Amino acid sequence: MNNRAVGTQYEEKAAGYLAKNGYHILEKNFRCKIGEIDLIARNEGYLCFIEVKYRSGTSKGFPAEAITSNKIRRITRTAEFYMLLHKLPQDTPCRFDAVVMLENEVSLIKNAFGGM
């Protein structure tokens, strides 16, 4: 299975996990020229932009370590474009969350990084 197929499989698992934890999934794999956001959802009055990271082991580091400053910048800019595209007000409460998966363990990090 190629990396994209593996990523899609774990993004689906993350979406299911989030739905069970009160998130309403709006979009999966939002893409534009600027970048990609794995999942976009509503939760607790926030518009949430969610990064999903999976690792089968720690030989390449922990999943959360893959969310680099460059990745954060790209996600933030993509989120801004999403809001512009959908004509959402600039004062819409937003949050950047992460779902990290290590082997069979799933963790949700709310407000994983700052953004807009």
PDB file of N, CA and C in Angstrom:
ATOM      1  N   MET A   1       0.848  -1.180   0.000  1.00  0.00           N
ATOM      2  CA  MET A   1       0.000   0.000   0.000  1.00  0.00           C
ATOM      3  C   MET A   1       0.892   1.242   0.000  1.00  0.00           C
ATOM      4  N   ASN A   2       0.591   2.209  -0.870  1.00  0.00           N
ATOM      5  CA  ASN A   2       1.422   3.411  -0.935  1.00  0.00           C
ATOM      6  C   ASN A   2       1.092   4.363   0.222  1.00  0.00           C
ATOM      7  N   ASN A   3       1.939   5.365   0.408  1.00  0.00           N
ATOM      8  CA  ASN A   3       1.790   6.293   1.531  1.00  0.00           C
ATOM      9  C   ASN A   3       0.458   7.034   1.500  1.00  0.00           C
ATOM     10  N   ARG A   4      -0.008   7.418   0.320  1.00  0.00           N
ATOM     11  CA  ARG A   4      -1.280   8.152   0.214  1.00  0.00           C
ATOM     12  C   ARG A   4      -2.438   7.270   0.685  1.00  0.00           C
ATOM     13  N   ALA A   5      -2.424   5.996   0.286  1.00  0.00           N
ATOM     14  CA  ALA A   5      -3.489   5.073   0.686  1.00  0.00           C
ATOM     15  C   ALA A   5      -3.461   4.831   2.197  1.00  0.00           C
ATOM     16  N   VAL A   6      -2.272   4.705   2.747  1.00  0.00           N
ATOM     17  CA  VAL A   6      -2.131   4.534   4.195  1.00  0.00           C
ATOM     18  C   VAL A   6      -2.648   5.780   4.908  1.00  0.00           C
ATOM     19  N   GLY A   7      -2.267   6.948   4.409  1.00  0.00           N
ATOM     20  CA  GLY A   7      -2.722   8.200   5.003  1.00  0.00           C
ATOM     21  C   GLY A   7      -4.236   8.316   4.989  1.00  0.00           C
ATOM     22  N   THR A   8      -4.842   7.974   3.869  1.00  0.00           N
ATOM     23  CA  THR A   8      -6.300   8.034   3.746  1.00  0.00           C
ATOM     24  C   THR A   8      -6.966   7.086   4.736  1.00  0.00           C
ATOM     25  N   GLN A   9      -6.404   5.897   4.883  1.00  0.00           N
ATOM     26  CA  GLN A   9      -6.950   4.909   5.817  1.00  0.00           C
ATOM     27  C   GLN A   9      -6.952   5.459   7.249  1.00  0.00           C
ATOM     28  N   TYR A  10      -5.863   6.076   7.671  1.00  0.00           N
ATOM     29  CA  TYR A  10      -5.780   6.591   9.032  1.00  0.00           C
ATOM     30  C   TYR A  10      -6.555   7.891   9.211  1.00  0.00           C
ATOM     31  N   GLU A  11      -6.705   8.667   8.159  1.00  0.00           N
ATOM     32  CA  GLU A  11      -7.556   9.855   8.230  1.00  0.00           C
ATOM     33  C   GLU A  11      -9.015   9.441   8.442  1.00  0.00           C
ATOM     34  N   GLU A  12      -9.434   8.354   7.811  1.00  0.00           N
ATOM     35  CA  GLU A  12     -10.791   7.829   8.019  1.00  0.00           C
ATOM     36  C   GLU A  12     -10.970   7.374   9.466  1.00  0.00           C
ATOM     37  N   LYS A  13      -9.964   6.697  10.004  1.00  0.00           N
ATOM     38  CA  LYS A  13     -10.024   6.263  11.406  1.00  0.00           C
ATOM     39  C   LYS A  13     -10.090   7.479  12.332  1.00  0.00           C
ATOM     40  N   ALA A  14      -9.318   8.500  12.024  1.00  0.00           N
ATOM     41  CA  ALA A  14      -9.320   9.719  12.831  1.00  0.00           C
ATOM     42  C   ALA A  14     -10.687  10.399  12.767  1.00  0.00           C
ATOM     43  N   ALA A  15     -11.295  10.439  11.587  1.00  0.00           N
ATOM     44  CA  ALA A  15     -12.621  11.059  11.431  1.00  0.00           C
ATOM     45  C   ALA A  15     -13.655  10.322  12.282  1.00  0.00           C
ATOM     46  N   GLY A  16     -13.591   9.008  12.299  1.00  0.00           N
ATOM     47  CA  GLY A  16     -14.498   8.215  13.129  1.00  0.00           C
ATOM     48  C   GLY A  16     -14.288   8.487  14.614  1.00  0.00           C
ATOM     49  N   TYR A  17     -13.025   8.562  15.008  1.00  0.00           N
ATOM     50  CA  TYR A  17     -12.685   8.856  16.399  1.00  0.00           C
ATOM     51  C   TYR A  17     -13.213  10.231  16.805  1.00  0.00           C
ATOM     52  N   LEU A  18     -13.017  11.209  15.943  1.00  0.00           N
ATOM     53  CA  LEU A  18     -13.479  12.567  16.232  1.00  0.00           C
ATOM     54  C   LEU A  18     -15.003  12.632  16.314  1.00  0.00           C
ATOM     55  N   ALA A  19     -15.683  11.954  15.398  1.00  0.00           N
ATOM     56  CA  ALA A  19     -17.149  11.945  15.400  1.00  0.00           C
ATOM     57  C   ALA A  19     -17.676  11.366  16.717  1.00  0.00           C
ATOM     58  N   LYS A  20     -17.014  10.342  17.221  1.00  0.00           N
ATOM     59  CA  LYS A  20     -17.416   9.740  18.501  1.00  0.00           C
ATOM     60  C   LYS A  20     -17.141  10.674  19.673  1.00  0.00           C
ATOM     61  N   ASN A  21     -16.273  11.666  19.458  1.00  0.00           N
ATOM     62  CA  ASN A  21     -15.902  12.604  20.515  1.00  0.00           C
ATOM     63  C   ASN A  21     -16.492  13.998  20.294  1.00  0.00           C
ATOM     64  N   GLY A  22     -17.625  14.059  19.596  1.00  0.00           N
ATOM     65  CA  GLY A  22     -18.372  15.301  19.495  1.00  0.00           C
ATOM     66  C   GLY A  22     -18.023  16.228  18.345  1.00  0.00           C
ATOM     67  N   TYR A  23     -17.198  15.799  17.426  1.00  0.00           N
ATOM     68  CA  TYR A  23     -16.855  16.624  16.268  1.00  0.00           C
ATOM     69  C   TYR A  23     -17.840  16.337  15.134  1.00  0.00           C
ATOM     70  N   HIS A  24     -18.205  17.383  14.399  1.00  0.00           N
ATOM     71  CA  HIS A  24     -19.025  17.245  13.202  1.00  0.00           C
ATOM     72  C   HIS A  24     -18.095  17.492  12.007  1.00  0.00           C
ATOM     73  N   ILE A  25     -17.777  16.439  11.283  1.00  0.00           N
ATOM     74  CA  ILE A  25     -16.831  16.531  10.166  1.00  0.00           C
ATOM     75  C   ILE A  25     -17.484  17.274   9.001  1.00  0.00           C
ATOM     76  N   LEU A  26     -16.814  18.329   8.541  1.00  0.00           N
ATOM     77  CA  LEU A  26     -17.297  19.122   7.413  1.00  0.00           C
ATOM     78  C   LEU A  26     -16.629  18.723   6.103  1.00  0.00           C
ATOM     79  N   GLU A  27     -15.310  18.487   6.166  1.00  0.00           N
ATOM     80  CA  GLU A  27     -14.554  18.147   4.956  1.00  0.00           C
ATOM     81  C   GLU A  27     -13.394  17.234   5.294  1.00  0.00           C
ATOM     82  N   LYS A  28     -13.046  16.424   4.308  1.00  0.00           N
ATOM     83  CA  LYS A  28     -11.859  15.570   4.405  1.00  0.00           C
ATOM     84  C   LYS A  28     -10.939  15.930   3.256  1.00  0.00           C
ATOM     85  N   ASN A  29      -9.662  16.026   3.540  1.00  0.00           N
ATOM     86  CA  ASN A  29      -8.642  16.296   2.524  1.00  0.00           C
ATOM     87  C   ASN A  29      -8.932  17.534   1.679  1.00  0.00           C
ATOM     88  N   PHE A  30      -9.117  18.659   2.352  1.00  0.00           N
ATOM     89  CA  PHE A  30      -9.284  19.919   1.626  1.00  0.00           C
ATOM     90  C   PHE A  30      -7.932  20.284   1.028  1.00  0.00           C
ATOM     91  N   ARG A  31      -7.920  20.462  -0.296  1.00  0.00           N
ATOM     92  CA  ARG A  31      -6.669  20.782  -1.002  1.00  0.00           C
ATOM     93  C   ARG A  31      -6.826  22.042  -1.831  1.00  0.00           C
ATOM     94  N   CYS A  32      -5.742  22.801  -1.889  1.00  0.00           N
ATOM     95  CA  CYS A  32      -5.650  23.943  -2.782  1.00  0.00           C
ATOM     96  C   CYS A  32      -4.164  24.095  -3.129  1.00  0.00           C
ATOM     97  N   LYS A  33      -3.813  25.123  -3.900  1.00  0.00           N
ATOM     98  CA  LYS A  33      -2.412  25.324  -4.293  1.00  0.00           C
ATOM     99  C   LYS A  33      -1.502  25.561  -3.093  1.00  0.00           C
ATOM    100  N   ILE A  34      -2.068  26.136  -2.025  1.00  0.00           N
ATOM    101  CA  ILE A  34      -1.258  26.470  -0.848  1.00  0.00           C
ATOM    102  C   ILE A  34      -0.879  25.229  -0.061  1.00  0.00           C
ATOM    103  N   GLY A  35      -1.821  24.298   0.076  1.00  0.00           N
ATOM    104  CA  GLY A  35      -1.545  23.103   0.872  1.00  0.00           C
ATOM    105  C   GLY A  35      -2.782  22.247   1.058  1.00  0.00           C
ATOM    106  N   GLU A  36      -2.750  21.423   2.102  1.00  0.00           N
ATOM    107  CA  GLU A  36      -3.823  20.477   2.374  1.00  0.00           C
ATOM    108  C   GLU A  36      -4.138  20.491   3.869  1.00  0.00           C
ATOM    109  N   ILE A  37      -5.407  20.306   4.180  1.00  0.00           N
ATOM    110  CA  ILE A  37      -5.836  20.109   5.560  1.00  0.00           C
ATOM    111  C   ILE A  37      -6.548  18.764   5.592  1.00  0.00           C
ATOM    112  N   ASP A  38      -6.102  17.886   6.492  1.00  0.00           N
ATOM    113  CA  ASP A  38      -6.637  16.523   6.534  1.00  0.00           C
ATOM    114  C   ASP A  38      -8.134  16.493   6.832  1.00  0.00           C
ATOM    115  N   LEU A  39      -8.545  17.171   7.891  1.00  0.00           N
ATOM    116  CA  LEU A  39      -9.952  17.185   8.291  1.00  0.00           C
ATOM    117  C   LEU A  39     -10.352  18.590   8.742  1.00  0.00           C
ATOM    118  N   ILE A  40     -11.568  18.965   8.416  1.00  0.00           N
ATOM    119  CA  ILE A  40     -12.130  20.224   8.901  1.00  0.00           C
ATOM    120  C   ILE A  40     -13.447  19.860   9.574  1.00  0.00           C
ATOM    121  N   ALA A  41     -13.634  20.367  10.802  1.00  0.00           N
ATOM    122  CA  ALA A  41     -14.809  19.976  11.580  1.00  0.00           C
ATOM    123  C   ALA A  41     -15.272  21.129  12.459  1.00  0.00           C
ATOM    124  N   ARG A  42     -16.435  20.952  13.045  1.00  0.00           N
ATOM    125  CA  ARG A  42     -16.953  21.864  14.067  1.00  0.00           C
ATOM    126  C   ARG A  42     -16.928  21.118  15.396  1.00  0.00           C
ATOM    127  N   ASN A  43     -16.538  21.834  16.457  1.00  0.00           N
ATOM    128  CA  ASN A  43     -16.521  21.258  17.795  1.00  0.00           C
ATOM    129  C   ASN A  43     -16.555  22.376  18.819  1.00  0.00           C
ATOM    130  N   GLU A  44     -17.490  22.277  19.745  1.00  0.00           N
ATOM    131  CA  GLU A  44     -17.577  23.219  20.864  1.00  0.00           C
ATOM    132  C   GLU A  44     -17.571  24.683  20.405  1.00  0.00           C
ATOM    133  N   GLY A  45     -18.255  24.974  19.301  1.00  0.00           N
ATOM    134  CA  GLY A  45     -18.334  26.336  18.796  1.00  0.00           C
ATOM    135  C   GLY A  45     -17.133  26.780  17.972  1.00  0.00           C
ATOM    136  N   TYR A  46     -16.179  25.903  17.750  1.00  0.00           N
ATOM    137  CA  TYR A  46     -14.981  26.225  16.973  1.00  0.00           C
ATOM    138  C   TYR A  46     -15.033  25.563  15.606  1.00  0.00           C
ATOM    139  N   LEU A  47     -14.435  26.233  14.642  1.00  0.00           N
ATOM    140  CA  LEU A  47     -14.122  25.632  13.359  1.00  0.00           C
ATOM    141  C   LEU A  47     -12.730  25.043  13.546  1.00  0.00           C
ATOM    142  N   CYS A  48     -12.615  23.730  13.411  1.00  0.00           N
ATOM    143  CA  CYS A  48     -11.349  23.048  13.711  1.00  0.00           C
ATOM    144  C   CYS A  48     -10.678  22.558  12.437  1.00  0.00           C
ATOM    145  N   PHE A  49      -9.419  22.900  12.303  1.00  0.00           N
ATOM    146  CA  PHE A  49      -8.582  22.414  11.218  1.00  0.00           C
ATOM    147  C   PHE A  49      -7.681  21.354  11.840  1.00  0.00           C
ATOM    148  N   ILE A  50      -7.779  20.123  11.346  1.00  0.00           N
ATOM    149  CA  ILE A  50      -7.174  18.999  12.043  1.00  0.00           C
ATOM    150  C   ILE A  50      -6.123  18.311  11.186  1.00  0.00           C
ATOM    151  N   GLU A  51      -4.942  18.172  11.752  1.00  0.00           N
ATOM    152  CA  GLU A  51      -3.845  17.444  11.119  1.00  0.00           C
ATOM    153  C   GLU A  51      -3.820  16.040  11.709  1.00  0.00           C
ATOM    154  N   VAL A  52      -3.690  15.034  10.855  1.00  0.00           N
ATOM    155  CA  VAL A  52      -3.635  13.640  11.287  1.00  0.00           C
ATOM    156  C   VAL A  52      -2.231  13.110  11.013  1.00  0.00           C
ATOM    157  N   LYS A  53      -1.613  12.543  12.037  1.00  0.00           N
ATOM    158  CA  LYS A  53      -0.277  11.953  11.882  1.00  0.00           C
ATOM    159  C   LYS A  53      -0.273  10.548  12.457  1.00  0.00           C
ATOM    160  N   TYR A  54       0.250   9.611  11.677  1.00  0.00           N
ATOM    161  CA  TYR A  54       0.325   8.205  12.084  1.00  0.00           C
ATOM    162  C   TYR A  54       1.767   7.711  11.978  1.00  0.00           C
ATOM    163  N   ARG A  55       2.158   6.909  12.919  1.00  0.00           N
ATOM    164  CA  ARG A  55       3.438   6.204  12.862  1.00  0.00           C
ATOM    165  C   ARG A  55       3.211   4.781  13.363  1.00  0.00           C
ATOM    166  N   SER A  56       3.809   3.821  12.686  1.00  0.00           N
ATOM    167  CA  SER A  56       3.685   2.423  13.117  1.00  0.00           C
ATOM    168  C   SER A  56       4.653   2.110  14.253  1.00  0.00           C
ATOM    169  N   GLY A  57       5.636   2.959  14.439  1.00  0.00           N
ATOM    170  CA  GLY A  57       6.615   2.811  15.512  1.00  0.00           C
ATOM    171  C   GLY A  57       7.347   4.126  15.678  1.00  0.00           C
ATOM    172  N   THR A  58       8.333   4.147  16.550  1.00  0.00           N
ATOM    173  CA  THR A  58       9.030   5.410  16.830  1.00  0.00           C
ATOM    174  C   THR A  58      10.383   5.534  16.129  1.00  0.00           C
ATOM    175  N   SER A  59      10.691   4.623  15.211  1.00  0.00           N
ATOM    176  CA  SER A  59      11.993   4.691  14.538  1.00  0.00           C
ATOM    177  C   SER A  59      12.171   5.991  13.751  1.00  0.00           C
ATOM    178  N   LYS A  60      11.068   6.569  13.276  1.00  0.00           N
ATOM    179  CA  LYS A  60      11.124   7.853  12.554  1.00  0.00           C
ATOM    180  C   LYS A  60      10.622   8.994  13.437  1.00  0.00           C
ATOM    181  N   GLY A  61      10.550   8.764  14.734  1.00  0.00           N
ATOM    182  CA  GLY A  61      10.085   9.785  15.670  1.00  0.00           C
ATOM    183  C   GLY A  61       8.616   9.591  16.006  1.00  0.00           C
ATOM    184  N   PHE A  62       8.148  10.379  16.943  1.00  0.00           N
ATOM    185  CA  PHE A  62       6.749  10.326  17.348  1.00  0.00           C
ATOM    186  C   PHE A  62       5.898  11.096  16.347  1.00  0.00           C
ATOM    187  N   PRO A  63       4.623  10.725  16.204  1.00  0.00           N
ATOM    188  CA  PRO A  63       3.770  11.381  15.199  1.00  0.00           C
ATOM    189  C   PRO A  63       3.710  12.904  15.337  1.00  0.00           C
ATOM    190  N   ALA A  64       3.574  13.412  16.540  1.00  0.00           N
ATOM    191  CA  ALA A  64       3.443  14.860  16.736  1.00  0.00           C
ATOM    192  C   ALA A  64       4.697  15.609  16.293  1.00  0.00           C
ATOM    193  N   GLU A  65       5.850  14.949  16.312  1.00  0.00           N
ATOM    194  CA  GLU A  65       7.101  15.591  15.894  1.00  0.00           C
ATOM    195  C   GLU A  65       7.115  15.910  14.399  1.00  0.00           C
ATOM    196  N   ALA A  66       6.217  15.273  13.645  1.00  0.00           N
ATOM    197  CA  ALA A  66       6.154  15.511  12.195  1.00  0.00           C
ATOM    198  C   ALA A  66       5.391  16.798  11.858  1.00  0.00           C
ATOM    199  N   ILE A  67       4.818  17.436  12.865  1.00  0.00           N
ATOM    200  CA  ILE A  67       4.114  18.703  12.632  1.00  0.00           C
ATOM    201  C   ILE A  67       5.124  19.819  12.864  1.00  0.00           C
ATOM    202  N   THR A  68       5.852  20.131  11.815  1.00  0.00           N
ATOM    203  CA  THR A  68       6.944  21.098  11.870  1.00  0.00           C
ATOM    204  C   THR A  68       6.434  22.527  11.708  1.00  0.00           C
ATOM    205  N   SER A  69       7.306  23.486  11.915  1.00  0.00           N
ATOM    206  CA  SER A  69       6.922  24.895  11.750  1.00  0.00           C
ATOM    207  C   SER A  69       6.507  25.181  10.305  1.00  0.00           C
ATOM    208  N   ASN A  70       7.161  24.566   9.333  1.00  0.00           N
ATOM    209  CA  ASN A  70       6.764  24.744   7.929  1.00  0.00           C
ATOM    210  C   ASN A  70       5.367  24.176   7.688  1.00  0.00           C
ATOM    211  N   LYS A  71       5.080  23.020   8.271  1.00  0.00           N
ATOM    212  CA  LYS A  71       3.768  22.384   8.136  1.00  0.00           C
ATOM    213  C   LYS A  71       2.695  23.271   8.775  1.00  0.00           C
ATOM    214  N   ILE A  72       2.990  23.817   9.939  1.00  0.00           N
ATOM    215  CA  ILE A  72       2.057  24.700  10.638  1.00  0.00           C
ATOM    216  C   ILE A  72       1.750  25.931   9.788  1.00  0.00           C
ATOM    217  N   ARG A  73       2.774  26.516   9.214  1.00  0.00           N
ATOM    218  CA  ARG A  73       2.602  27.703   8.367  1.00  0.00           C
ATOM    219  C   ARG A  73       1.717  27.371   7.154  1.00  0.00           C
ATOM    220  N   ARG A  74       1.953  26.231   6.537  1.00  0.00           N
ATOM    221  CA  ARG A  74       1.173  25.817   5.362  1.00  0.00           C
ATOM    222  C   ARG A  74      -0.291  25.541   5.745  1.00  0.00           C
ATOM    223  N   ILE A  75      -0.508  24.875   6.874  1.00  0.00           N
ATOM    224  CA  ILE A  75      -1.872  24.585   7.334  1.00  0.00           C
ATOM    225  C   ILE A  75      -2.604  25.885   7.653  1.00  0.00           C
ATOM    226  N   THR A  76      -1.926  26.805   8.324  1.00  0.00           N
ATOM    227  CA  THR A  76      -2.536  28.087   8.691  1.00  0.00           C
ATOM    228  C   THR A  76      -2.949  28.868   7.449  1.00  0.00           C
ATOM    229  N   ARG A  77      -2.076  28.936   6.473  1.00  0.00           N
ATOM    230  CA  ARG A  77      -2.397  29.661   5.235  1.00  0.00           C
ATOM    231  C   ARG A  77      -3.529  28.973   4.478  1.00  0.00           C
ATOM    232  N   THR A  78      -3.549  27.651   4.470  1.00  0.00           N
ATOM    233  CA  THR A  78      -4.621  26.907   3.812  1.00  0.00           C
ATOM    234  C   THR A  78      -5.945  27.138   4.527  1.00  0.00           C
ATOM    235  N   ALA A  79      -5.915  27.203   5.851  1.00  0.00           N
ATOM    236  CA  ALA A  79      -7.124  27.483   6.639  1.00  0.00           C
ATOM    237  C   ALA A  79      -7.665  28.877   6.317  1.00  0.00           C
ATOM    238  N   GLU A  80      -6.774  29.840   6.186  1.00  0.00           N
ATOM    239  CA  GLU A  80      -7.201  31.195   5.822  1.00  0.00           C
ATOM    240  C   GLU A  80      -7.888  31.196   4.458  1.00  0.00           C
ATOM    241  N   PHE A  81      -7.320  30.453   3.515  1.00  0.00           N
ATOM    242  CA  PHE A  81      -7.915  30.364   2.182  1.00  0.00           C
ATOM    243  C   PHE A  81      -9.281  29.677   2.255  1.00  0.00           C
ATOM    244  N   TYR A  82      -9.392  28.611   3.043  1.00  0.00           N
ATOM    245  CA  TYR A  82     -10.667  27.902   3.216  1.00  0.00           C
ATOM    246  C   TYR A  82     -11.741  28.864   3.718  1.00  0.00           C
ATOM    247  N   MET A  83     -11.389  29.667   4.705  1.00  0.00           N
ATOM    248  CA  MET A  83     -12.353  30.613   5.272  1.00  0.00           C
ATOM    249  C   MET A  83     -12.766  31.668   4.245  1.00  0.00           C
ATOM    250  N   LEU A  84     -11.816  32.136   3.460  1.00  0.00           N
ATOM    251  CA  LEU A  84     -12.095  33.107   2.409  1.00  0.00           C
ATOM    252  C   LEU A  84     -13.005  32.480   1.342  1.00  0.00           C
ATOM    253  N   LEU A  85     -12.674  31.291   0.939  1.00  0.00           N
ATOM    254  CA  LEU A  85     -13.436  30.571  -0.085  1.00  0.00           C
ATOM    255  C   LEU A  85     -14.884  30.348   0.351  1.00  0.00           C
ATOM    256  N   HIS A  86     -15.082  30.050   1.624  1.00  0.00           N
ATOM    257  CA  HIS A  86     -16.423  29.772   2.159  1.00  0.00           C
ATOM    258  C   HIS A  86     -17.091  31.001   2.771  1.00  0.00           C
ATOM    259  N   LYS A  87     -16.453  32.173   2.547  1.00  0.00           N
ATOM    260  CA  LYS A  87     -16.993  33.451   3.013  1.00  0.00           C
ATOM    261  C   LYS A  87     -17.318  33.446   4.509  1.00  0.00           C
ATOM    262  N   LEU A  88     -16.407  32.878   5.292  1.00  0.00           N
ATOM    263  CA  LEU A  88     -16.572  32.853   6.744  1.00  0.00           C
ATOM    264  C   LEU A  88     -15.964  34.115   7.337  1.00  0.00           C
ATOM    265  N   PRO A  89     -16.618  34.722   8.316  1.00  0.00           N
ATOM    266  CA  PRO A  89     -16.086  35.949   8.920  1.00  0.00           C
ATOM    267  C   PRO A  89     -14.713  35.713   9.553  1.00  0.00           C
ATOM    268  N   GLN A  90     -13.880  36.750   9.518  1.00  0.00           N
ATOM    269  CA  GLN A  90     -12.531  36.640  10.085  1.00  0.00           C
ATOM    270  C   GLN A  90     -12.548  36.374  11.579  1.00  0.00           C
ATOM    271  N   ASP A  91     -13.630  36.749  12.252  1.00  0.00           N
ATOM    272  CA  ASP A  91     -13.691  36.541  13.697  1.00  0.00           C
ATOM    273  C   ASP A  91     -14.314  35.183  14.079  1.00  0.00           C
ATOM    274  N   THR A  92     -14.456  34.280  13.094  1.00  0.00           N
ATOM    275  CA  THR A  92     -14.942  32.932  13.381  1.00  0.00           C
ATOM    276  C   THR A  92     -13.959  32.261  14.342  1.00  0.00           C
ATOM    277  N   PRO A  93     -14.449  31.727  15.467  1.00  0.00           N
ATOM    278  CA  PRO A  93     -13.532  31.038  16.388  1.00  0.00           C
ATOM    279  C   PRO A  93     -12.944  29.795  15.716  1.00  0.00           C
ATOM    280  N   CYS A  94     -11.625  29.746  15.647  1.00  0.00           N
ATOM    281  CA  CYS A  94     -10.927  28.635  14.994  1.00  0.00           C
ATOM    282  C   CYS A  94      -9.944  27.986  15.963  1.00  0.00           C
ATOM    283  N   ARG A  95      -9.666  26.733  15.666  1.00  0.00           N
ATOM    284  CA  ARG A  95      -8.706  26.003  16.481  1.00  0.00           C
ATOM    285  C   ARG A  95      -7.966  25.023  15.567  1.00  0.00           C
ATOM    286  N   PHE A  96      -6.709  24.793  15.878  1.00  0.00           N
ATOM    287  CA  PHE A  96      -5.912  23.831  15.126  1.00  0.00           C
ATOM    288  C   PHE A  96      -5.643  22.636  16.036  1.00  0.00           C
ATOM    289  N   ASP A  97      -6.253  21.510  15.703  1.00  0.00           N
ATOM    290  CA  ASP A  97      -6.120  20.295  16.492  1.00  0.00           C
ATOM    291  C   ASP A  97      -5.267  19.281  15.740  1.00  0.00           C
ATOM    292  N   ALA A  98      -4.833  18.258  16.453  1.00  0.00           N
ATOM    293  CA  ALA A  98      -4.086  17.167  15.827  1.00  0.00           C
ATOM    294  C   ALA A  98      -4.578  15.843  16.392  1.00  0.00           C
ATOM    295  N   VAL A  99      -4.678  14.873  15.524  1.00  0.00           N
ATOM    296  CA  VAL A  99      -4.927  13.499  15.947  1.00  0.00           C
ATOM    297  C   VAL A  99      -3.649  12.757  15.644  1.00  0.00           C
ATOM    298  N   VAL A 100      -3.018  12.232  16.690  1.00  0.00           N
ATOM    299  CA  VAL A 100      -1.768  11.498  16.511  1.00  0.00           C
ATOM    300  C   VAL A 100      -2.009  10.033  16.857  1.00  0.00           C
ATOM    301  N   MET A 101      -1.475   9.175  16.007  1.00  0.00           N
ATOM    302  CA  MET A 101      -1.670   7.739  16.167  1.00  0.00           C
ATOM    303  C   MET A 101      -0.310   7.066  16.169  1.00  0.00           C
ATOM    304  N   LEU A 102      -0.068   6.314  17.210  1.00  0.00           N
ATOM    305  CA  LEU A 102       1.159   5.525  17.321  1.00  0.00           C
ATOM    306  C   LEU A 102       0.737   4.091  17.529  1.00  0.00           C
ATOM    307  N   GLU A 103       1.034   3.269  16.523  1.00  0.00           N
ATOM    308  CA  GLU A 103       0.567   1.884  16.495  1.00  0.00           C
ATOM    309  C   GLU A 103      -0.950   1.881  16.649  1.00  0.00           C
ATOM    310  N   ASN A 104      -1.504   1.359  17.731  1.00  0.00           N
ATOM    311  CA  ASN A 104      -2.959   1.319  17.908  1.00  0.00           C
ATOM    312  C   ASN A 104      -3.476   2.374  18.877  1.00  0.00           C
ATOM    313  N   GLU A 105      -2.614   3.256  19.339  1.00  0.00           N
ATOM    314  CA  GLU A 105      -3.001   4.281  20.300  1.00  0.00           C
ATOM    315  C   GLU A 105      -3.359   5.579  19.570  1.00  0.00           C
ATOM    316  N   VAL A 106      -4.515   6.152  19.913  1.00  0.00           N
ATOM    317  CA  VAL A 106      -4.980   7.389  19.292  1.00  0.00           C
ATOM    318  C   VAL A 106      -5.063   8.472  20.359  1.00  0.00           C
ATOM    319  N   SER A 107      -4.510   9.647  20.057  1.00  0.00           N
ATOM    320  CA  SER A 107      -4.583  10.777  20.980  1.00  0.00           C
ATOM    321  C   SER A 107      -5.055  12.007  20.220  1.00  0.00           C
ATOM    322  N   LEU A 108      -5.864  12.799  20.892  1.00  0.00           N
ATOM    323  CA  LEU A 108      -6.350  14.048  20.347  1.00  0.00           C
ATOM    324  C   LEU A 108      -5.664  15.187  21.087  1.00  0.00           C
ATOM    325  N   ILE A 109      -5.074  16.094  20.334  1.00  0.00           N
ATOM    326  CA  ILE A 109      -4.443  17.272  20.929  1.00  0.00           C
ATOM    327  C   ILE A 109      -5.253  18.482  20.454  1.00  0.00           C
ATOM    328  N   LYS A 110      -6.075  19.027  21.352  1.00  0.00           N
ATOM    329  CA  LYS A 110      -6.843  20.223  21.020  1.00  0.00           C
ATOM    330  C   LYS A 110      -5.917  21.430  21.088  1.00  0.00           C
ATOM    331  N   ASN A 111      -6.117  22.349  20.162  1.00  0.00           N
ATOM    332  CA  ASN A 111      -5.291  23.558  20.096  1.00  0.00           C
ATOM    333  C   ASN A 111      -3.791  23.192  20.062  1.00  0.00           C
ATOM    334  N   ALA A 112      -3.481  22.268  19.155  1.00  0.00           N
ATOM    335  CA  ALA A 112      -2.118  21.739  19.062  1.00  0.00           C
ATOM    336  C   ALA A 112      -1.085  22.800  18.715  1.00  0.00           C
ATOM    337  N   PHE A 113      -1.507  23.794  17.963  1.00  0.00           N
ATOM    338  CA  PHE A 113      -0.590  24.889  17.619  1.00  0.00           C
ATOM    339  C   PHE A 113      -1.405  26.130  17.326  1.00  0.00           C
ATOM    340  N   GLY A 114      -0.781  27.274  17.482  1.00  0.00           N
ATOM    341  CA  GLY A 114      -1.436  28.552  17.208  1.00  0.00           C
ATOM    342  C   GLY A 114      -1.557  28.757  15.710  1.00  0.00           C
ATOM    343  N   GLY A 115      -2.306  29.728  15.359  1.00  0.00           N
ATOM    344  CA  GLY A 115      -2.477  29.996  13.937  1.00  0.00           C
ATOM    345  C   GLY A 115      -2.960  31.390  13.703  1.00  0.00           C
ATOM    346  N   MET A 116      -4.110  31.504  13.107  1.00  0.00           N
ATOM    347  CA  MET A 116      -4.664  32.776  12.680  1.00  0.00           C
ATOM    348  C   MET A 116      -5.002  33.671  13.853  1.00  0.00           C
TER     349      MET A 116
END
